[in-house]
Amino acid sequence: MNLPGHSLAFIGIAAALISYRRRTDCVALELTMCVERDSTGVYRASSTVWWTHGGWNVDFEKLEYHLRLERYDVVQKGAVCDLKAKVNSDGSGSSVCQVAWTSTSAPVTADGTFVYNHNNDGEGDYRLELTGSPSI
């Protein structure tokens, strides 16, 4: 949906599977990622993340979604959305992550990274880089 005075670049649905503790079980993540421009010419990145893991008990030590507004792959502004508590407790759900409105020049894109760590596996953080949105 386009609001009056807004322009959107939309990446559609991206999907990622994060294996959990090297089992055949996994947490499925899907997301939309877009960059918006309002009538005053400021921009923001916005994303909705959906997850499902069948309701079995997961115990992430860390599950963060790093959303960035970029211009020529240089970060203009970013946000870190902590999904750990929601994903650990809910078998499925969604969460919205947004970067604050900021002044910059076109072209801009939205980009993101999942950073996650399985509790007590001794292997530290994993990173899952996502493909960025089209530019506006």
C-alpha atoms as a PDB file:
ATOM      1  CA  MET A   1       0.000   0.000   0.000  1.00  0.00           C
ATOM      2  CA  ASN A   2       1.366   3.399  -0.953  1.00  0.00           C
ATOM      3  CA  LEU A   3       0.446   6.270   1.342  1.00  0.00           C
ATOM      4  CA  PRO A   4      -0.061   9.732  -0.179  1.00  0.00           C
ATOM      5  CA  GLY A   5       3.297  11.459  -0.405  1.00  0.00           C
ATOM      6  CA  HIS A   6       5.247   8.203   0.023  1.00  0.00           C
ATOM      7  CA  SER A   7       7.368   6.227  -2.440  1.00  0.00           C
ATOM      8  CA  LEU A   8       8.297   2.615  -1.798  1.00  0.00           C
ATOM      9  CA  ALA A   9      10.927   0.223  -3.118  1.00  0.00           C
ATOM     10  CA  PHE A  10       9.924  -3.303  -2.158  1.00  0.00           C
ATOM     11  CA  ILE A  11      12.038  -6.444  -2.088  1.00  0.00           C
ATOM     12  CA  GLY A  12       9.114  -8.840  -1.729  1.00  0.00           C
ATOM     13  CA  ILE A  13       9.444 -11.913   0.436  1.00  0.00           C
ATOM     14  CA  ALA A  14      12.837 -13.274   1.368  1.00  0.00           C
ATOM     15  CA  ALA A  15      13.164 -16.545   3.245  1.00  0.00           C
ATOM     16  CA  ALA A  16      15.877 -17.890   5.489  1.00  0.00           C
ATOM     17  CA  LEU A  17      16.226 -21.096   7.450  1.00  0.00           C
ATOM     18  CA  ILE A  18      18.295 -21.089  10.602  1.00  0.00           C
ATOM     19  CA  SER A  19      19.145 -24.596  11.700  1.00  0.00           C
ATOM     20  CA  TYR A  20      18.792 -25.090  15.400  1.00  0.00           C
ATOM     21  CA  ARG A  21      21.491 -26.970  17.317  1.00  0.00           C
ATOM     22  CA  ARG A  22      22.456 -28.985  14.269  1.00  0.00           C
ATOM     23  CA  ARG A  23      19.193 -30.885  14.382  1.00  0.00           C
ATOM     24  CA  THR A  24      16.847 -31.393  11.496  1.00  0.00           C
ATOM     25  CA  ASP A  25      14.540 -28.863  13.175  1.00  0.00           C
ATOM     26  CA  CYS A  26      14.856 -25.288  12.024  1.00  0.00           C
ATOM     27  CA  VAL A  27      13.441 -21.846  12.560  1.00  0.00           C
ATOM     28  CA  ALA A  28      11.923 -20.516   9.338  1.00  0.00           C
ATOM     29  CA  LEU A  29      12.177 -16.760   8.883  1.00  0.00           C
ATOM     30  CA  GLU A  30      10.450 -14.759   6.158  1.00  0.00           C
ATOM     31  CA  LEU A  31      10.601 -11.029   5.725  1.00  0.00           C
ATOM     32  CA  THR A  32       9.676  -8.043   3.658  1.00  0.00           C
ATOM     33  CA  MET A  33      12.183  -5.245   3.373  1.00  0.00           C
ATOM     34  CA  CYS A  34      11.549  -1.851   1.829  1.00  0.00           C
ATOM     35  CA  VAL A  35      12.774   1.711   1.790  1.00  0.00           C
ATOM     36  CA  GLU A  36      10.275   4.572   2.002  1.00  0.00           C
ATOM     37  CA  ARG A  37      10.484   8.242   1.081  1.00  0.00           C
ATOM     38  CA  ASP A  38       7.906  10.690   2.444  1.00  0.00           C
ATOM     39  CA  SER A  39       6.656  13.929   0.904  1.00  0.00           C
ATOM     40  CA  THR A  40       9.369  15.950   2.677  1.00  0.00           C
ATOM     41  CA  GLY A  41      12.142  13.866   1.069  1.00  0.00           C
ATOM     42  CA  VAL A  42      13.308  11.930   4.135  1.00  0.00           C
ATOM     43  CA  TYR A  43      13.855   8.152   3.997  1.00  0.00           C
ATOM     44  CA  ARG A  44      13.563   5.121   6.243  1.00  0.00           C
ATOM     45  CA  ALA A  45      14.026   1.374   5.958  1.00  0.00           C
ATOM     46  CA  SER A  46      11.195  -0.822   7.173  1.00  0.00           C
ATOM     47  CA  SER A  47      10.843  -4.573   7.512  1.00  0.00           C
ATOM     48  CA  THR A  48       8.426  -7.158   8.865  1.00  0.00           C
ATOM     49  CA  VAL A  49       9.853 -10.506  10.000  1.00  0.00           C
ATOM     50  CA  TRP A  50       7.667 -13.617  10.378  1.00  0.00           C
ATOM     51  CA  TRP A  51       8.902 -16.818  12.025  1.00  0.00           C
ATOM     52  CA  THR A  52       7.745 -20.318  12.737  1.00  0.00           C
ATOM     53  CA  HIS A  53       9.387 -23.280  14.410  1.00  0.00           C
ATOM     54  CA  GLY A  54       6.517 -25.613  15.110  1.00  0.00           C
ATOM     55  CA  GLY A  55       6.199 -24.708  18.781  1.00  0.00           C
ATOM     56  CA  TRP A  56       9.050 -26.859  20.081  1.00  0.00           C
ATOM     57  CA  ASN A  57      11.263 -25.172  22.635  1.00  0.00           C
ATOM     58  CA  VAL A  58      14.095 -23.099  21.157  1.00  0.00           C
ATOM     59  CA  ASP A  59      16.701 -21.367  23.265  1.00  0.00           C
ATOM     60  CA  PHE A  60      18.569 -18.730  21.285  1.00  0.00           C
ATOM     61  CA  GLU A  61      21.204 -16.872  23.249  1.00  0.00           C
ATOM     62  CA  LYS A  62      21.020 -14.154  20.572  1.00  0.00           C
ATOM     63  CA  LEU A  63      18.693 -13.530  17.644  1.00  0.00           C
ATOM     64  CA  GLU A  64      19.009 -10.018  16.258  1.00  0.00           C
ATOM     65  CA  TYR A  65      17.896  -8.458  13.004  1.00  0.00           C
ATOM     66  CA  HIS A  66      20.135  -5.593  11.901  1.00  0.00           C
ATOM     67  CA  LEU A  67      18.253  -3.355   9.446  1.00  0.00           C
ATOM     68  CA  ARG A  68      20.124  -0.631   7.581  1.00  0.00           C
ATOM     69  CA  LEU A  69      19.304   2.284   5.301  1.00  0.00           C
ATOM     70  CA  GLU A  70      22.208   2.488   2.844  1.00  0.00           C
ATOM     71  CA  ARG A  71      23.384   4.784   0.070  1.00  0.00           C
ATOM     72  CA  TYR A  72      25.886   3.115  -2.278  1.00  0.00           C
ATOM     73  CA  ASP A  73      26.424   0.395   0.386  1.00  0.00           C
ATOM     74  CA  VAL A  74      27.342   3.006   3.018  1.00  0.00           C
ATOM     75  CA  VAL A  75      25.125   2.898   6.115  1.00  0.00           C
ATOM     76  CA  GLN A  76      23.144   6.106   6.594  1.00  0.00           C
ATOM     77  CA  LYS A  77      21.186   4.906   9.628  1.00  0.00           C
ATOM     78  CA  GLY A  78      20.474   1.526  11.235  1.00  0.00           C
ATOM     79  CA  ALA A  79      18.399  -0.273  13.819  1.00  0.00           C
ATOM     80  CA  VAL A  80      18.899  -3.508  15.756  1.00  0.00           C
ATOM     81  CA  CYS A  81      15.731  -5.443  16.558  1.00  0.00           C
ATOM     82  CA  ASP A  82      16.101  -8.121  19.236  1.00  0.00           C
ATOM     83  CA  LEU A  83      13.877 -11.085  18.330  1.00  0.00           C
ATOM     84  CA  LYS A  84      15.285 -13.550  20.883  1.00  0.00           C
ATOM     85  CA  ALA A  85      12.540 -13.417  23.528  1.00  0.00           C
ATOM     86  CA  LYS A  86       9.673 -13.494  21.027  1.00  0.00           C
ATOM     87  CA  VAL A  87      11.071 -16.358  18.933  1.00  0.00           C
ATOM     88  CA  ASN A  88      12.146 -18.386  21.986  1.00  0.00           C
ATOM     89  CA  SER A  89       8.675 -18.152  23.528  1.00  0.00           C
ATOM     90  CA  ASP A  90       6.321 -18.165  20.523  1.00  0.00           C
ATOM     91  CA  GLY A  91       6.128 -20.971  17.963  1.00  0.00           C
ATOM     92  CA  SER A  92       5.160 -18.447  15.307  1.00  0.00           C
ATOM     93  CA  GLY A  93       4.686 -14.716  15.080  1.00  0.00           C
ATOM     94  CA  SER A  94       5.860 -11.491  13.501  1.00  0.00           C
ATOM     95  CA  SER A  95       7.715  -8.324  14.392  1.00  0.00           C
ATOM     96  CA  VAL A  96       8.160  -4.961  12.656  1.00  0.00           C
ATOM     97  CA  CYS A  97      11.604  -3.346  12.533  1.00  0.00           C
ATOM     98  CA  GLN A  98      12.122   0.220  11.306  1.00  0.00           C
ATOM     99  CA  VAL A  99      15.005   2.614  10.905  1.00  0.00           C
ATOM    100  CA  ALA A 100      14.229   6.188  11.987  1.00  0.00           C
ATOM    101  CA  TRP A 101      13.435   8.710   9.265  1.00  0.00           C
ATOM    102  CA  THR A 102      16.636  10.370   8.050  1.00  0.00           C
ATOM    103  CA  SER A 103      17.746  12.979   5.539  1.00  0.00           C
ATOM    104  CA  THR A 104      20.006  11.677   2.791  1.00  0.00           C
ATOM    105  CA  SER A 105      20.223  11.774  -0.997  1.00  0.00           C
ATOM    106  CA  ALA A 106      18.930   9.201  -3.467  1.00  0.00           C
ATOM    107  CA  PRO A 107      19.578   6.460  -4.355  1.00  0.00           C
ATOM    108  CA  VAL A 108      19.017   4.573  -1.101  1.00  0.00           C
ATOM    109  CA  THR A 109      18.323   0.907  -0.310  1.00  0.00           C
ATOM    110  CA  ALA A 110      17.300  -1.196   2.676  1.00  0.00           C
ATOM    111  CA  ASP A 111      19.609  -4.041   3.711  1.00  0.00           C
ATOM    112  CA  GLY A 112      19.703  -6.465   6.605  1.00  0.00           C
ATOM    113  CA  THR A 113      21.596  -9.121   8.532  1.00  0.00           C
ATOM    114  CA  PHE A 114      20.494 -11.746  11.043  1.00  0.00           C
ATOM    115  CA  VAL A 115      22.988 -12.325  13.888  1.00  0.00           C
ATOM    116  CA  TYR A 116      22.208 -15.385  15.981  1.00  0.00           C
ATOM    117  CA  ASN A 117      23.754 -17.676  18.543  1.00  0.00           C
ATOM    118  CA  HIS A 118      22.473 -21.025  19.778  1.00  0.00           C
ATOM    119  CA  ASN A 119      22.610 -21.135  23.580  1.00  0.00           C
ATOM    120  CA  ASN A 120      25.499 -23.196  25.015  1.00  0.00           C
ATOM    121  CA  ASP A 121      26.799 -24.567  21.703  1.00  0.00           C
ATOM    122  CA  GLY A 122      30.239 -22.981  22.189  1.00  0.00           C
ATOM    123  CA  GLU A 123      30.408 -21.763  18.577  1.00  0.00           C
ATOM    124  CA  GLY A 124      29.682 -18.057  19.006  1.00  0.00           C
ATOM    125  CA  ASP A 125      27.645 -15.865  16.676  1.00  0.00           C
ATOM    126  CA  TYR A 126      26.533 -16.746  13.169  1.00  0.00           C
ATOM    127  CA  ARG A 127      25.699 -14.090  10.541  1.00  0.00           C
ATOM    128  CA  LEU A 128      23.202 -14.381   7.724  1.00  0.00           C
ATOM    129  CA  GLU A 129      23.533 -11.521   5.204  1.00  0.00           C
ATOM    130  CA  LEU A 130      20.377 -10.692   3.238  1.00  0.00           C
ATOM    131  CA  THR A 131      19.959  -9.250  -0.239  1.00  0.00           C
ATOM    132  CA  GLY A 132      19.072  -5.568  -0.136  1.00  0.00           C
ATOM    133  CA  SER A 133      15.997  -3.874  -1.561  1.00  0.00           C
ATOM    134  CA  PRO A 134      15.812  -2.105  -4.905  1.00  0.00           C
ATOM    135  CA  SER A 135      16.867   1.549  -4.695  1.00  0.00           C
ATOM    136  CA  ILE A 136      14.713   4.661  -4.786  1.00  0.00           C
END
